[in-house]
Amino acid sequence: MKKIIVAALLIVGMTGFAQEKRKMHSDKAGIEQMTPEQRSQLHLKKLTLDLDLNASQQKEMSKLLAEQSAKREAAMAERKATKDASKKMTSDERFARKNRMLDEQIAMKERVRKILTPEQMKKWEEMKEHKAGSMRKRMMRNKMKAPKPE
């Protein structure tokens, strides 16, 4: 009888703890997000510090970041619409989306290359690689933590 009571208390305690942890994650969703203009302004300042951009480079990068931000917002809206429709993408749609994304990355890199000096370009690519590596690590960590879908 004691064992049953102890087991029941443990189960109730662990369930309560798991719900608290889930609640903490949902609180992050309630944080108000920055506007695209604010995000691109902060990104430009960070690039200015890291790459030592001059005034004309800042102006050009500002335009580039604004365009990129607008495209990102549109892509997020498109993704949300397809997710809400709960329709699976076909392999052709997935290929087209990935192909378009890679084309945009190539165009972005060419435009950045025209703005930055060779030394700045090298540092920009290193920063991009570092960011991609840390993003991969974070995704793997989250994948390991994620509960299995039922």
Protein backbone atom coordinates (compact mmCIF):
# COMPACT_ATOMS: atom_id res chain seq x y z
CA MET A 1 0.00 0.00 0.00
CA LYS A 2 2.86 2.37 0.89
CA LYS A 3 4.51 1.68 -2.45
CA ILE A 4 1.34 2.54 -4.35
CA ILE A 5 0.96 5.84 -2.48
CA VAL A 6 4.63 6.75 -3.02
CA ALA A 7 4.38 5.87 -6.71
CA ALA A 8 1.20 7.96 -7.09
CA LEU A 9 2.87 10.94 -5.38
CA LEU A 10 5.91 10.64 -7.65
CA ILE A 11 3.73 10.53 -10.76
CA VAL A 12 1.70 13.55 -9.66
CA GLY A 13 4.88 15.46 -8.78
CA MET A 14 6.59 14.72 -12.08
CA THR A 15 3.47 15.59 -14.06
CA GLY A 16 3.22 18.94 -12.30
CA PHE A 17 6.89 19.68 -12.97
CA ALA A 18 6.53 18.79 -16.65
CA GLN A 19 3.55 21.13 -16.98
CA GLU A 20 5.49 23.97 -15.33
CA LYS A 21 8.35 23.47 -17.78
CA ARG A 22 5.93 23.54 -20.71
CA LYS A 23 4.35 26.72 -19.32
CA MET A 24 7.77 28.40 -19.19
CA HIS A 25 8.27 27.66 -22.91
CA SER A 26 4.84 29.07 -23.78
CA ASP A 27 5.69 32.28 -21.87
CA LYS A 28 8.47 32.96 -24.41
CA ALA A 29 5.82 33.02 -27.12
CA GLY A 30 4.09 35.89 -25.30
CA ILE A 31 7.14 38.17 -25.59
CA GLU A 32 6.45 41.03 -27.95
CA GLN A 33 8.58 40.79 -31.06
CA MET A 34 10.58 43.65 -32.52
CA THR A 35 9.45 45.24 -35.77
CA PRO A 36 11.38 44.37 -38.94
CA GLU A 37 12.79 47.92 -39.00
CA GLN A 38 14.09 47.57 -35.44
CA ARG A 39 15.68 44.21 -36.21
CA SER A 40 17.39 45.48 -39.36
CA GLN A 41 18.60 48.60 -37.52
CA LEU A 42 20.18 46.48 -34.80
CA HIS A 43 21.67 44.12 -37.38
CA LEU A 44 23.19 47.09 -39.24
CA LYS A 45 24.75 48.44 -36.03
CA LYS A 46 26.20 45.03 -35.21
CA LEU A 47 27.65 44.75 -38.72
CA THR A 48 29.06 48.27 -38.42
CA LEU A 49 30.83 47.31 -35.21
CA ASP A 50 32.08 43.94 -36.45
CA LEU A 51 33.10 44.96 -39.97
CA ASP A 52 33.98 48.61 -39.33
CA LEU A 53 31.66 49.90 -42.06
CA ASN A 54 31.97 53.48 -43.30
CA ALA A 55 28.95 55.77 -43.86
CA SER A 56 28.36 54.85 -47.51
CA GLN A 57 28.65 51.14 -46.72
CA GLN A 58 26.18 51.56 -43.86
CA LYS A 59 23.70 53.24 -46.20
CA GLU A 60 23.98 50.47 -48.80
CA MET A 61 23.81 47.69 -46.22
CA SER A 62 20.77 49.36 -44.66
CA LYS A 63 18.91 49.13 -47.98
CA LEU A 64 20.00 45.54 -48.41
CA LEU A 65 18.91 44.53 -44.91
CA ALA A 66 15.53 46.24 -45.36
CA GLU A 67 14.90 44.32 -48.57
CA GLN A 68 16.02 41.07 -46.98
CA SER A 69 13.78 41.67 -43.98
CA ALA A 70 10.75 42.34 -46.18
CA LYS A 71 11.41 39.13 -48.14
CA ARG A 72 11.79 37.18 -44.88
CA GLU A 73 8.47 38.52 -43.55
CA ALA A 74 6.72 37.57 -46.81
CA ALA A 75 8.24 34.08 -46.71
CA MET A 76 7.15 33.62 -43.10
CA ALA A 77 3.60 34.66 -43.99
CA GLU A 78 3.62 32.23 -46.91
CA ARG A 79 4.91 29.41 -44.69
CA LYS A 80 2.27 30.16 -42.08
CA ALA A 81 -0.46 30.09 -44.72
CA THR A 82 0.66 26.71 -46.04
CA LYS A 83 1.02 25.40 -42.50
CA ASP A 84 -2.49 26.55 -41.61
CA ALA A 85 -3.85 24.80 -44.68
CA SER A 86 -2.09 21.70 -43.26
CA LYS A 87 -1.25 20.54 -46.73
CA LYS A 88 2.00 18.75 -47.31
CA MET A 89 4.39 20.20 -49.86
CA THR A 90 5.15 18.09 -52.87
CA SER A 91 8.74 17.38 -53.77
CA ASP A 92 8.48 19.80 -56.72
CA GLU A 93 7.22 22.61 -54.47
CA ARG A 94 9.96 21.91 -51.96
CA PHE A 95 12.56 21.92 -54.75
CA ALA A 96 11.21 25.20 -56.15
CA ARG A 97 11.26 26.86 -52.72
CA LYS A 98 14.79 25.67 -51.96
CA ASN A 99 15.99 26.69 -55.43
CA ARG A 100 14.48 30.18 -55.03
CA MET A 101 16.07 30.53 -51.60
CA LEU A 102 19.51 29.57 -52.92
CA ASP A 103 19.16 32.00 -55.83
CA GLU A 104 18.35 34.78 -53.37
CA GLN A 105 21.38 33.86 -51.27
CA ILE A 106 23.64 34.02 -54.33
CA ALA A 107 22.23 37.41 -55.31
CA MET A 108 22.65 38.67 -51.73
CA LYS A 109 26.26 37.54 -51.63
CA GLU A 110 27.02 39.31 -54.92
CA ARG A 111 25.43 42.52 -53.69
CA VAL A 112 27.34 42.36 -50.41
CA ARG A 113 30.57 41.68 -52.31
CA LYS A 114 30.05 44.95 -54.22
CA ILE A 115 29.60 46.89 -50.96
CA LEU A 116 32.35 45.42 -48.75
CA THR A 117 36.11 45.42 -49.12
CA PRO A 118 37.82 42.01 -49.53
CA GLU A 119 38.89 41.97 -45.85
CA GLN A 120 35.38 42.86 -44.71
CA MET A 121 33.93 40.24 -47.03
CA LYS A 122 36.18 37.56 -45.55
CA LYS A 123 35.12 38.51 -42.03
CA TRP A 124 31.45 38.63 -43.08
CA GLU A 125 31.67 35.08 -44.44
CA GLU A 126 33.39 33.89 -41.25
CA MET A 127 30.63 35.45 -39.16
CA LYS A 128 28.01 33.81 -41.38
CA GLU A 129 29.65 30.39 -41.00
CA HIS A 130 29.88 30.79 -37.23
CA LYS A 131 26.20 31.75 -37.05
CA ALA A 132 25.21 28.78 -39.23
CA GLY A 133 27.25 26.39 -37.08
CA SER A 134 25.72 27.61 -33.85
CA MET A 135 22.26 27.41 -35.42
CA ARG A 136 22.91 23.78 -36.41
CA LYS A 137 23.99 22.97 -32.86
CA ARG A 138 20.89 24.64 -31.42
CA MET A 139 18.62 22.78 -33.83
CA MET A 140 20.23 19.45 -32.94
CA ARG A 141 19.91 20.22 -29.24
CA ASN A 142 16.22 21.08 -29.67
CA LYS A 143 15.66 18.00 -31.79
CA MET A 144 17.08 15.84 -29.00
CA LYS A 145 14.84 17.54 -26.41
CA ALA A 146 11.65 17.53 -28.48
CA PRO A 147 9.01 15.04 -27.41
CA LYS A 148 8.08 12.38 -29.90
CA PRO A 149 4.85 13.19 -31.81
CA GLU A 150 2.04 10.81 -30.98
